[in-house]
Amino acid sequence: MTNQAQFKNRYRLYIDESGDHTYNLLNDPTHRYLALLGVWFRGEDYLSFAEHLEDFKRSIWGFRPDNPVIFHRTEIINRKGPFGLLCQPEKRKQFDEGLLNLVRQAQFKMVCVIIDKL
């Protein structure tokens, strides 16, 4: 079996959390909940997604092999670092539409667990 064939039979799993993981200020809704999100791809679906993601990044920022753009929510929302170019309305539109299209076309499964800490 070739390496590519072995990869097709594997899965990629990404897990992240959002919210406050401490038990402080639980009466404030912004601190009360914690979300755990898992996203997984079959091997061949991940290869396709990764290729489309890199194409999308290249369409916005050009070729950056030594300084790749990493998507961090805070930087995107605040238009900091490489996302400063999103202050330009035409780049913002290109980014928003391209990112939505990328996610729509991706083949993955997702699960989210919300933890109410009260």
Protein backbone atom coordinates (compact mmCIF):
# COMPACT_ATOMS: atom_id res chain seq x y z
CA MET A 1 0.00 0.00 0.00
CA THR A 2 1.42 3.41 -0.96
CA ASN A 3 1.70 6.31 1.48
CA GLN A 4 -1.08 8.16 -0.34
CA ALA A 5 -3.37 5.11 -0.13
CA GLN A 6 -2.61 4.78 3.60
CA PHE A 7 -3.42 8.46 4.11
CA LYS A 8 -6.83 8.02 2.46
CA ASN A 9 -7.79 5.48 5.13
CA ARG A 10 -6.91 7.84 7.98
CA TYR A 11 -8.71 10.74 9.61
CA ARG A 12 -7.57 14.16 10.81
CA LEU A 13 -9.10 15.52 13.99
CA TYR A 14 -8.86 19.09 15.25
CA ILE A 15 -10.21 20.09 18.67
CA ASP A 16 -10.45 23.57 20.13
CA GLU A 17 -12.23 25.35 22.94
CA SER A 18 -13.96 28.67 23.09
CA GLY A 19 -15.07 30.54 26.14
CA ASP A 20 -13.84 30.79 29.69
CA HIS A 21 -12.39 27.60 31.20
CA THR A 22 -12.22 29.07 34.71
CA TYR A 23 -15.02 29.05 37.28
CA ASN A 24 -14.96 32.80 37.94
CA LEU A 25 -17.81 35.28 37.33
CA LEU A 26 -20.34 32.56 36.47
CA ASN A 27 -23.27 34.99 36.71
CA ASP A 28 -21.88 36.78 33.65
CA PRO A 29 -23.02 34.92 30.47
CA THR A 30 -19.68 35.66 28.80
CA HIS A 31 -17.95 33.56 31.49
CA ARG A 32 -20.61 30.95 32.18
CA TYR A 33 -20.19 28.72 29.11
CA LEU A 34 -17.38 26.75 27.56
CA ALA A 35 -17.61 25.21 24.10
CA LEU A 36 -15.52 22.28 22.89
CA LEU A 37 -15.50 21.83 19.13
CA GLY A 38 -14.17 18.90 17.15
CA VAL A 39 -13.77 18.81 13.37
CA TRP A 40 -12.60 15.75 11.49
CA PHE A 41 -11.78 14.98 7.88
CA ARG A 42 -11.19 11.75 6.02
CA GLY A 43 -7.64 11.76 4.66
CA GLU A 44 -8.49 12.49 1.03
CA ASP A 45 -11.04 15.15 2.04
CA TYR A 46 -8.40 16.82 4.20
CA LEU A 47 -5.91 16.86 1.32
CA SER A 48 -8.49 18.60 -0.86
CA PHE A 49 -9.38 21.09 1.88
CA ALA A 50 -5.73 21.89 2.62
CA GLU A 51 -5.05 22.52 -1.07
CA HIS A 52 -8.08 24.82 -1.39
CA LEU A 53 -7.14 26.64 1.81
CA GLU A 54 -3.63 27.35 0.53
CA ASP A 55 -5.06 28.52 -2.82
CA PHE A 56 -7.41 30.84 -0.94
CA LYS A 57 -4.61 32.28 1.19
CA ARG A 58 -2.45 32.79 -1.92
CA SER A 59 -5.32 34.65 -3.62
CA ILE A 60 -5.43 37.14 -0.73
CA TRP A 61 -1.80 37.44 0.46
CA GLY A 62 0.28 35.96 -2.35
CA PHE A 63 2.96 33.32 -1.91
CA ARG A 64 4.43 33.35 1.66
CA PRO A 65 6.36 30.11 2.23
CA ASP A 66 8.53 31.60 5.00
CA ASN A 67 5.75 33.48 6.78
CA PRO A 68 2.43 31.65 6.31
CA VAL A 69 -0.79 33.32 7.36
CA ILE A 70 -2.38 31.56 10.35
CA PHE A 71 -6.07 32.19 10.92
CA HIS A 72 -6.62 33.52 14.45
CA ARG A 73 -10.12 34.77 15.20
CA THR A 74 -8.94 37.77 17.24
CA GLU A 75 -6.57 38.95 14.49
CA ILE A 76 -9.25 38.53 11.83
CA ILE A 77 -11.92 40.42 13.81
CA ASN A 78 -9.54 43.19 14.87
CA ARG A 79 -7.86 43.28 11.43
CA LYS A 80 -4.40 42.96 12.95
CA GLY A 81 -1.20 41.49 11.54
CA PRO A 82 -1.68 40.13 8.04
CA PHE A 83 -5.44 40.73 8.39
CA GLY A 84 -4.87 44.50 8.40
CA LEU A 85 -5.52 44.42 4.67
CA LEU A 86 -9.15 43.59 5.50
CA CYS A 87 -9.59 47.31 6.21
CA GLN A 88 -9.78 47.63 2.43
CA PRO A 89 -13.44 46.99 1.51
CA GLU A 90 -12.63 45.05 -1.67
CA LYS A 91 -10.17 42.77 0.17
CA ARG A 92 -12.66 42.28 3.01
CA LYS A 93 -15.35 41.22 0.53
CA GLN A 94 -12.92 38.87 -1.25
CA PHE A 95 -11.88 37.34 2.09
CA ASP A 96 -15.42 36.94 3.47
CA GLU A 97 -16.83 35.41 0.29
CA GLY A 98 -13.80 33.19 -0.25
CA LEU A 99 -13.78 31.87 3.31
CA LEU A 100 -17.51 31.10 3.24
CA ASN A 101 -17.08 29.31 -0.09
CA LEU A 102 -14.13 27.31 1.26
CA VAL A 103 -16.16 26.09 4.26
CA ARG A 104 -19.23 25.34 2.12
CA GLN A 105 -17.22 23.11 -0.20
CA ALA A 106 -15.24 21.31 2.52
CA GLN A 107 -16.17 17.73 3.37
CA PHE A 108 -15.92 17.29 7.14
CA LYS A 109 -17.85 16.31 10.24
CA MET A 110 -18.19 18.53 13.26
CA VAL A 111 -19.40 18.17 16.83
CA CYS A 112 -19.75 20.88 19.46
CA VAL A 113 -20.34 20.40 23.18
CA ILE A 114 -21.47 23.37 25.27
CA ILE A 115 -20.71 23.19 28.98
CA ASP A 116 -22.86 25.26 31.33
CA LYS A 117 -20.69 25.73 34.40
CA LEU A 118 -23.57 26.53 36.75
